[in-house]
Amino acid sequence: MLKHKPLAIAFIFFVILTFLSRYIPFFWDGVYFTKPAEFFYNNSYSTLVPPIEMDTGIFPLFGFYISKF
């Protein structure tokens, strides 16, 4: 039983961490999707093409979808 104790402690730690962060809308690698979403929201959805400085490398409708929330 003693050899599985560190694994059990790690498992409990990550379960608690996941539970406490359930209301955070973006993980660390998804934050860059917020710039196009903010652009669409601030410009009243006047265009579906964000400026080149905000290019995330994916189709811009994902940022449009995020900005609706």
C-alpha atoms as a PDB file:
ATOM      1  CA  MET A   1       0.000   0.000   0.000  1.00  0.00           C
ATOM      2  CA  LEU A   2       2.856   2.380   0.738  1.00  0.00           C
ATOM      3  CA  LYS A   3       4.266   2.222  -2.793  1.00  0.00           C
ATOM      4  CA  HIS A   4       0.981   3.540  -4.272  1.00  0.00           C
ATOM      5  CA  LYS A   5       0.633   6.440  -1.839  1.00  0.00           C
ATOM      6  CA  PRO A   6       2.412   9.074  -4.025  1.00  0.00           C
ATOM      7  CA  LEU A   7       0.232   8.081  -6.977  1.00  0.00           C
ATOM      8  CA  ALA A   8      -2.922   8.377  -4.891  1.00  0.00           C
ATOM      9  CA  ILE A   9      -1.861  11.785  -3.569  1.00  0.00           C
ATOM     10  CA  ALA A  10      -1.131  13.013  -7.109  1.00  0.00           C
ATOM     11  CA  PHE A  11      -4.472  11.694  -8.339  1.00  0.00           C
ATOM     12  CA  ILE A  12      -6.382  13.430  -5.538  1.00  0.00           C
ATOM     13  CA  PHE A  13      -4.457  16.668  -6.147  1.00  0.00           C
ATOM     14  CA  PHE A  14      -5.360  16.731  -9.844  1.00  0.00           C
ATOM     15  CA  VAL A  15      -8.987  15.849  -9.199  1.00  0.00           C
ATOM     16  CA  ILE A  16      -9.241  18.772  -6.781  1.00  0.00           C
ATOM     17  CA  LEU A  17      -7.400  21.074  -9.201  1.00  0.00           C
ATOM     18  CA  THR A  18      -9.748  20.105 -12.027  1.00  0.00           C
ATOM     19  CA  PHE A  19     -12.771  20.676  -9.817  1.00  0.00           C
ATOM     20  CA  LEU A  20     -11.585  24.121  -8.691  1.00  0.00           C
ATOM     21  CA  SER A  21     -10.794  25.300 -12.235  1.00  0.00           C
ATOM     22  CA  ARG A  22     -14.009  24.133 -13.882  1.00  0.00           C
ATOM     23  CA  TYR A  23     -15.281  27.705 -14.390  1.00  0.00           C
ATOM     24  CA  ILE A  24     -12.149  29.004 -16.102  1.00  0.00           C
ATOM     25  CA  PRO A  25     -13.227  29.330 -19.752  1.00  0.00           C
ATOM     26  CA  PHE A  26      -9.816  28.939 -21.401  1.00  0.00           C
ATOM     27  CA  PHE A  27      -6.826  26.774 -20.742  1.00  0.00           C
ATOM     28  CA  TRP A  28      -3.334  28.220 -21.225  1.00  0.00           C
ATOM     29  CA  ASP A  29      -3.060  27.180 -24.879  1.00  0.00           C
ATOM     30  CA  GLY A  30      -6.476  28.510 -25.897  1.00  0.00           C
ATOM     31  CA  VAL A  31      -6.147  32.074 -24.706  1.00  0.00           C
ATOM     32  CA  TYR A  32      -4.968  33.362 -28.072  1.00  0.00           C
ATOM     33  CA  PHE A  33      -8.475  32.701 -29.462  1.00  0.00           C
ATOM     34  CA  THR A  34      -9.775  35.592 -27.386  1.00  0.00           C
ATOM     35  CA  LYS A  35      -8.164  38.326 -29.522  1.00  0.00           C
ATOM     36  CA  PRO A  36     -10.278  37.647 -32.638  1.00  0.00           C
ATOM     37  CA  ALA A  37     -13.341  37.164 -30.415  1.00  0.00           C
ATOM     38  CA  GLU A  38     -12.732  40.532 -28.786  1.00  0.00           C
ATOM     39  CA  PHE A  39     -12.245  42.114 -32.220  1.00  0.00           C
ATOM     40  CA  PHE A  40     -15.598  40.788 -33.457  1.00  0.00           C
ATOM     41  CA  TYR A  41     -17.386  41.894 -30.303  1.00  0.00           C
ATOM     42  CA  ASN A  42     -15.878  45.397 -30.225  1.00  0.00           C
ATOM     43  CA  ASN A  43     -16.591  46.006 -33.918  1.00  0.00           C
ATOM     44  CA  SER A  44     -20.232  44.885 -33.714  1.00  0.00           C
ATOM     45  CA  TYR A  45     -19.617  41.881 -35.991  1.00  0.00           C
ATOM     46  CA  SER A  46     -19.124  44.135 -39.018  1.00  0.00           C
ATOM     47  CA  THR A  47     -16.728  41.713 -40.731  1.00  0.00           C
ATOM     48  CA  LEU A  48     -15.877  38.017 -40.534  1.00  0.00           C
ATOM     49  CA  VAL A  49     -12.216  38.602 -41.344  1.00  0.00           C
ATOM     50  CA  PRO A  50     -10.056  39.842 -38.469  1.00  0.00           C
ATOM     51  CA  PRO A  51      -6.880  41.850 -39.153  1.00  0.00           C
ATOM     52  CA  ILE A  52      -3.735  39.915 -40.027  1.00  0.00           C
ATOM     53  CA  GLU A  53      -2.209  40.767 -36.629  1.00  0.00           C
ATOM     54  CA  MET A  54      -4.874  38.583 -35.015  1.00  0.00           C
ATOM     55  CA  ASP A  55      -4.409  35.570 -37.244  1.00  0.00           C
ATOM     56  CA  THR A  56      -4.540  32.383 -35.167  1.00  0.00           C
ATOM     57  CA  GLY A  57      -4.049  29.980 -38.045  1.00  0.00           C
ATOM     58  CA  ILE A  58      -7.554  28.569 -37.944  1.00  0.00           C
ATOM     59  CA  PHE A  59     -10.848  29.538 -39.532  1.00  0.00           C
ATOM     60  CA  PRO A  60     -12.010  32.853 -37.990  1.00  0.00           C
ATOM     61  CA  LEU A  61     -15.532  31.640 -37.281  1.00  0.00           C
ATOM     62  CA  PHE A  62     -14.292  30.024 -34.064  1.00  0.00           C
ATOM     63  CA  GLY A  63     -13.485  33.485 -32.690  1.00  0.00           C
ATOM     64  CA  PHE A  64     -16.868  34.674 -33.933  1.00  0.00           C
ATOM     65  CA  TYR A  65     -18.527  31.789 -32.089  1.00  0.00           C
ATOM     66  CA  ILE A  66     -16.646  32.543 -28.865  1.00  0.00           C
ATOM     67  CA  SER A  67     -17.589  36.232 -29.039  1.00  0.00           C
ATOM     68  CA  LYS A  68     -21.278  35.362 -29.050  1.00  0.00           C
ATOM     69  CA  PHE A  69     -20.952  34.115 -25.476  1.00  0.00           C
END
